[in-house]
Structure formats: C-alpha cells, structure tokens
Protein backbone atom coordinates (compact mmCIF):
# COMPACT_ATOMS: atom_id res chain seq x y z
CA MET A 1 0.00 0.00 0.00
CA ALA A 2 1.36 3.42 -0.95
CA GLN A 3 2.20 5.74 1.91
CA ALA A 4 -0.26 8.61 2.23
CA PRO A 5 1.16 11.84 0.84
CA HIS A 6 1.78 14.74 3.17
CA PRO A 7 1.32 18.43 2.37
CA GLN A 8 4.26 20.79 2.56
CA SER A 9 4.03 23.54 5.15
CA GLY A 10 6.05 26.54 6.25
CA SER A 11 7.04 27.65 2.74
CA PRO A 12 6.73 31.30 1.68
CA LEU A 13 5.78 30.25 -1.87
CA PRO A 14 2.09 30.61 -2.78
CA PHE A 15 0.11 27.34 -2.82
CA ALA A 16 3.08 25.42 -1.36
CA ASP A 17 0.93 24.25 1.57
CA ARG A 18 -1.30 22.40 -0.93
CA ILE A 19 1.51 20.36 -2.50
CA HIS A 20 1.79 16.75 -1.36
CA GLY A 21 4.94 14.70 -1.20
CA VAL A 22 4.78 11.35 -3.01
CA THR A 23 7.07 8.35 -3.44
CA ILE A 24 8.06 6.04 -6.28
CA THR A 25 5.37 3.63 -5.03
CA HIS A 26 2.71 6.21 -5.84
CA VAL A 27 3.85 6.34 -9.47
CA TRP A 28 3.20 2.62 -10.04
CA ARG A 29 -0.10 2.99 -8.20
CA TRP A 30 -1.17 5.75 -10.64
CA LEU A 31 -0.47 3.44 -13.55
CA ALA A 32 -2.46 0.61 -11.96
CA LEU A 33 -5.39 2.93 -11.24
CA GLY A 34 -5.24 4.25 -14.80
CA TRP A 35 -5.55 0.72 -16.15
CA ALA A 36 -8.43 0.03 -13.73
CA ASP A 37 -10.27 3.15 -14.94
CA TYR A 38 -9.70 2.12 -18.56
CA ARG A 39 -11.26 -1.27 -17.95
CA ARG A 40 -14.10 0.21 -15.91
CA SER A 41 -15.04 2.74 -18.57
CA GLY A 42 -15.76 0.03 -21.15
CA TRP A 43 -15.82 1.30 -24.72
CA VAL A 44 -15.83 5.02 -23.83
CA SER A 45 -12.11 5.35 -23.03
CA ALA A 46 -11.14 3.11 -25.96
CA ALA A 47 -13.27 5.21 -28.32
CA TYR A 48 -11.73 8.39 -26.90
CA GLY A 49 -8.25 7.05 -27.61
CA GLY A 50 -9.46 5.90 -31.03
CA VAL A 51 -10.45 9.45 -31.97
CA PHE A 52 -6.88 10.66 -31.50
CA ALA A 53 -5.37 7.54 -33.06
CA ALA A 54 -7.44 8.25 -36.16
CA GLY A 55 -6.30 11.88 -36.07
CA GLY A 56 -2.64 10.82 -35.94
CA ILE A 57 -3.10 8.46 -38.89
CA PHE A 58 -4.90 11.16 -40.90
CA ILE A 59 -2.20 13.78 -40.23
CA THR A 60 0.67 11.37 -41.03
CA PHE A 61 -0.73 10.15 -44.32
CA GLY A 62 -1.97 13.64 -45.16
CA LEU A 63 1.51 15.12 -44.78
CA ALA A 64 2.98 12.31 -46.88
CA TRP A 65 0.33 12.86 -49.59
CA LEU A 66 1.03 16.60 -49.64
CA GLY A 67 4.74 15.94 -50.09
CA TRP A 68 5.74 17.19 -46.64
CA PRO A 69 7.12 14.02 -45.02
CA TYR A 70 9.76 16.03 -43.18
CA LEU A 71 6.96 17.39 -40.96
CA ILE A 72 5.83 13.96 -39.79
CA THR A 73 8.49 13.56 -37.08
CA PRO A 74 8.00 17.11 -35.68
CA MET A 75 4.25 16.52 -35.63
CA ILE A 76 4.70 13.30 -33.69
CA GLY A 77 6.83 15.25 -31.23
CA GLY A 78 4.12 17.89 -31.14
CA PHE A 79 1.58 15.21 -30.32
CA LEU A 80 3.55 14.37 -27.18
CA LEU A 81 3.72 18.06 -26.26
CA ILE A 82 -0.06 18.57 -26.35
CA GLY A 83 -0.76 15.24 -24.62
CA PRO A 84 -2.01 16.85 -21.36
CA LEU A 85 -4.63 18.78 -23.34
CA LEU A 86 -5.71 15.75 -25.40
CA ALA A 87 -6.28 13.78 -22.18
CA LEU A 88 -8.74 16.33 -20.75
CA GLY A 89 -11.78 14.14 -21.39
CA LEU A 90 -10.06 11.20 -19.73
CA TYR A 91 -9.64 13.25 -16.56
CA ALA A 92 -13.38 13.90 -16.71
CA ILE A 93 -14.10 10.17 -17.05
CA SER A 94 -11.97 9.31 -14.02
CA ARG A 95 -13.59 12.09 -12.00
CA ALA A 96 -17.04 10.81 -12.94
CA HIS A 97 -16.06 7.29 -11.84
CA ALA A 98 -14.88 8.63 -8.47
CA GLN A 99 -18.19 10.45 -8.05
CA GLY A 100 -20.18 7.35 -9.00
CA ARG A 101 -21.91 8.88 -12.01
CA PRO A 102 -21.98 7.80 -15.66
CA ILE A 103 -20.32 9.75 -18.45
CA GLY A 104 -20.50 9.28 -22.21
CA LEU A 105 -18.01 9.89 -25.00
CA ILE A 106 -19.56 13.21 -26.08
CA GLN A 107 -19.44 14.53 -22.52
CA ALA A 108 -15.79 13.52 -22.29
CA LEU A 109 -14.91 15.23 -25.57
CA LEU A 110 -16.63 18.40 -24.36
CA ALA A 111 -14.96 18.38 -20.93
CA TRP A 112 -13.11 21.61 -21.79
CA ARG A 113 -16.37 23.50 -21.33
CA ALA A 114 -16.02 23.12 -17.55
CA ASN A 115 -13.45 25.97 -17.53
CA THR A 116 -13.57 27.24 -21.08
CA PHE A 117 -11.44 30.37 -20.98
CA HIS A 118 -8.45 29.03 -19.06
CA ILE A 119 -8.45 25.61 -20.73
CA MET A 120 -8.63 27.25 -24.17
CA THR A 121 -5.79 29.56 -23.13
CA ALA A 122 -3.71 26.55 -22.12
CA GLY A 123 -4.52 24.94 -25.46
CA LEU A 124 -3.37 28.02 -27.36
CA VAL A 125 -0.11 28.13 -25.38
CA LEU A 126 0.56 24.45 -26.12
CA MET A 127 -0.23 24.94 -29.80
CA LEU A 128 2.24 27.85 -29.86
CA VAL A 129 4.88 25.57 -28.35
CA VAL A 130 4.18 22.97 -31.06
CA MET A 131 4.44 25.61 -33.80
CA ILE A 132 7.79 26.82 -32.43
CA TRP A 133 9.01 23.21 -32.24
CA ALA A 134 7.98 22.50 -35.84
CA ARG A 135 9.57 25.71 -37.13
CA LEU A 136 12.81 25.04 -35.27
CA SER A 137 12.92 21.54 -36.74
CA ILE A 138 12.85 22.96 -40.26
CA VAL A 139 15.40 25.69 -39.49
CA LEU A 140 17.81 23.24 -37.84
CA PHE A 141 17.49 20.83 -40.76
CA ALA A 142 18.53 23.65 -43.07
CA ILE A 143 21.46 24.58 -40.80
CA PHE A 144 22.86 21.08 -40.29
CA LEU A 145 22.03 19.74 -43.78
CA PRO A 146 22.02 22.87 -45.95
CA TYR A 147 22.33 21.16 -49.32
CA GLN A 148 19.77 18.40 -48.77
CA SER A 149 16.12 18.36 -49.74
CA MET A 150 13.58 17.95 -46.94
CA SER A 151 12.56 14.41 -47.80
CA VAL A 152 12.69 11.10 -45.98
CA ASP A 153 15.06 9.61 -48.57
CA SER A 154 17.44 12.55 -48.26
CA PHE A 155 17.47 12.41 -44.49
CA LEU A 156 18.04 8.65 -44.40
CA ALA A 157 20.91 9.01 -46.84
CA GLN A 158 22.55 11.54 -44.50
CA SER A 159 21.56 10.00 -41.18
CA LEU A 160 24.92 8.28 -40.57
CA THR A 161 27.08 11.19 -41.70
CA PRO A 162 28.61 13.52 -39.07
CA ALA A 163 26.12 16.24 -40.00
CA GLY A 164 23.18 13.84 -39.83
CA ILE A 165 24.24 12.45 -36.46
CA SER A 166 24.78 15.97 -35.09
CA PHE A 167 21.34 17.03 -36.31
CA THR A 168 19.68 13.99 -34.73
CA LEU A 169 21.43 14.44 -31.38
CA PHE A 170 20.68 18.16 -31.29
CA MET A 171 17.02 17.53 -32.07
CA LEU A 172 16.81 14.92 -29.32
CA VAL A 173 18.24 17.34 -26.77
CA LEU A 174 16.01 20.18 -27.96
CA GLY A 175 12.94 17.95 -27.98
CA ALA A 176 13.71 16.76 -24.46
CA GLY A 177 13.92 20.39 -23.35
CA PHE A 178 10.52 21.23 -24.86
CA ALA A 179 8.99 18.09 -23.37
CA ALA A 180 10.43 18.85 -19.92
CA LEU A 181 9.01 22.39 -20.01
CA VAL A 182 5.55 21.14 -20.93
CA PHE A 183 5.66 18.33 -18.36
CA VAL A 184 6.73 20.59 -15.50
CA THR A 185 4.04 23.18 -16.19
CA CYS A 186 1.22 20.84 -17.22
CA VAL A 187 1.57 17.60 -15.28
CA VAL A 188 -1.24 18.59 -12.90
CA SER A 189 -2.40 21.95 -14.28
CA LEU A 190 -4.91 20.64 -16.85
CA PRO A 191 -6.63 18.23 -14.42
CA MET A 192 -6.72 21.04 -11.87
CA MET A 193 -8.28 23.52 -14.29
CA LEU A 194 -10.96 20.94 -15.05
CA ASP A 195 -11.60 19.99 -11.43
CA GLN A 196 -11.19 23.23 -9.49
CA LYS A 197 -11.75 25.79 -12.26
CA VAL A 198 -8.59 27.69 -11.34
CA ASP A 199 -6.76 30.04 -13.70
CA ILE A 200 -3.90 28.88 -15.92
CA PHE A 201 -1.22 30.78 -13.98
CA SER A 202 -2.10 29.32 -10.58
CA ALA A 203 -2.42 25.84 -12.04
CA ALA A 204 0.94 26.06 -13.82
CA LEU A 205 2.66 27.34 -10.67
CA MET A 206 1.26 24.47 -8.60
CA SER A 207 2.38 22.02 -11.27
CA VAL A 208 5.94 23.39 -11.09
CA LEU A 209 5.91 23.20 -7.28
CA ALA A 210 4.67 19.60 -7.38
CA VAL A 211 7.58 18.61 -9.64
CA VAL A 212 10.15 20.56 -7.60
CA ARG A 213 9.02 18.90 -4.37
CA ASN A 214 8.97 15.39 -5.88
CA PRO A 215 11.86 15.27 -8.39
CA ALA A 216 12.52 11.52 -8.40
CA PRO A 217 8.90 10.29 -8.60
CA MET A 218 8.04 12.92 -11.22
CA ALA A 219 11.10 12.07 -13.32
CA LEU A 220 9.99 8.42 -13.29
CA TRP A 221 6.43 9.46 -14.18
CA ALA A 222 7.70 11.54 -17.12
CA MET A 223 9.72 8.59 -18.44
CA ILE A 224 6.72 6.27 -18.12
CA ILE A 225 4.50 8.72 -20.02
CA VAL A 226 7.02 9.02 -22.87
CA ALA A 227 7.55 5.25 -23.02
CA VAL A 228 3.85 4.29 -22.98
CA ILE A 229 2.72 6.97 -25.44
CA GLY A 230 5.75 6.30 -27.65
CA LEU A 231 4.88 2.61 -27.81
CA GLY A 232 1.29 3.59 -28.60
CA ILE A 233 2.39 5.76 -31.52
CA LEU A 234 4.75 3.20 -33.09
CA PRO A 235 2.12 0.80 -34.55
CA LEU A 236 0.62 3.50 -36.82
CA PHE A 237 -0.90 5.24 -33.79
CA LEU A 238 -3.21 2.26 -33.15
CA GLY A 239 -1.70 1.65 -29.72
CA LEU A 240 -3.08 5.00 -28.60
CA VAL A 241 -6.48 3.33 -28.26
CA VAL A 242 -5.06 1.89 -25.03
CA ALA A 243 -1.96 3.97 -24.24
CA LEU A 244 -3.52 7.44 -24.25
CA PRO A 245 -6.52 6.54 -22.04
CA VAL A 246 -4.41 4.64 -19.50
CA ILE A 247 -1.95 7.53 -19.14
CA GLY A 248 -4.79 10.05 -19.07
CA HIS A 249 -6.63 8.23 -16.30
CA ALA A 250 -3.38 7.69 -14.40
CA SER A 251 -2.62 11.42 -14.66
CA TRP A 252 -5.90 12.17 -12.94
CA HIS A 253 -4.85 10.02 -9.98
CA ALA A 254 -1.42 11.66 -9.99
CA TYR A 255 -3.14 15.03 -9.67
CA GLY A 256 -5.26 13.73 -6.80
CA ASP A 257 -2.21 12.56 -4.86
CA LEU A 258 -0.09 15.62 -5.57
CA ILE A 259 -2.53 18.48 -4.97
CA ALA A 260 -4.66 19.02 -1.90
CA PRO A 261 -8.25 20.24 -2.36
CA PRO A 262 -8.78 24.00 -2.01
CA PRO A 263 -9.55 25.21 1.51
CA ALA A 264 -13.22 25.54 2.37
CA ASN A 265 -14.56 29.07 2.32
C-alpha cells in the first residue's frame, strides 16, 4: 500500500501548503489505477483514444500525400507536447467514476467547457509551443544539412554522416527540453483547471511546485509517459487506443495525490 502523501508547510511560496509529497510507489499505483479506470469505462475510453489515433493516422498520411514528409516527425513530437490537453476528457471520465456517475463519449470530448477560458488559453499556449518546435525543426534541418532536400530519402541518406548524427542528437536534446518544459508546467495543471476551475497561472505554478518537491517520482512518471505513449504511436498510432486513455486516467490520480483540495470558504 502506498504511503499517504503529506502536504508541505512553512514555505513562503504561494500554494506550497497544498503540495503533497509522493514516493516512487505512488507512481506505479497511478499506472495501476489508470488501467483500472480504462477497464471500468468500457468502450468510452477506448473510443476516446481511437479518436486521437485516427487523427494521428490522418495527419501522417496527409503530410505524406502533400509531399511534406519532413513534418511527420516534428508533428509526432508535437503530439507528445499537447498530450495533457488531449487527455482532458479522460480526466473527466476518471472524475465521474470517483463520483459514482456515468459519463458518455460526447461529454468527455466536451470536458473543456467546464473551464472554457483558461483551458482554451492553455490549449493556445501548447499549440504555440508545437508551432515553435515544428519551425525550429525545419530551421535546424537547413542549418545542419544545408544542401539536402527535406525528404525522408534525403534524411536517411545523410543520417549516418557527421552532419546527420549531429542534427539527430541536437534535435533529441532540444525535444527533451521542450517536453520537460511542458511536463513541469502541465503535469497537474490541466486536471486542476478541469476539477477546481482555477486560472492557468495558478495551475501552472502548482504544477511546477509539485515537480520541484517530488523530483525523483516525477522524473519516473515523465519517463513512463514518454515510453507508454511512444509505444502507442509506433504501430501507426493504433496503440493510442489503449496507451492514451491509460496515461490520461493515471494522470488524474497523480493530480489527486499531488494536490490538496482547495480550503473551504
């Protein structure tokens, strides 16, 4: 049984008294609870994941058909960056389960309406991050491989050259930096905006504080998210039918363990 988390006290930082400490054990518990919620939801969670799997397939083949295959990898990276937003309906499903009430697929897809302004603002910020990531990918390709066309064949031909290896390593480091920024600011902020209807700035601050207080468990949780979603993307996005819902449900339980409820008025 996981040890009950304890709130932090005595810190001058705002909201610090609402941040719980967690252990590595909690991380595995979140994953188990996510799987339990997936099974409990029946077809709803699978259909929710299927919507985004279909979107990934459509975007990938659409870019290839338009002759822009060089954008496929940045878009897959962008998919990981906006993951917390895509999982919003899954948080709503887990919350409904905890409250003992039913919820359908349409209600889950419209979960953003619970806190429209701030959730839409978070979505716009994440989309901006994805756009910056995609633009940087193109610029860096031109810098490292200036005389190559932006095609899959061209990149594969150069992948084992010093320039190709340098480009790949630099992109991995840059992508990890973008992913870390999004994780730190969003790991609990989107569930919190759905549940407590707080503003984006307060939610992001509490997300940062939760990560700072629990560096080892949150680092493990970040690696699990990347691994599970990455495995879900590999088989033509079809694995997202399971991977995205399980991580989304688990993220709801992570939020519940990390953040204390707001004080009663």
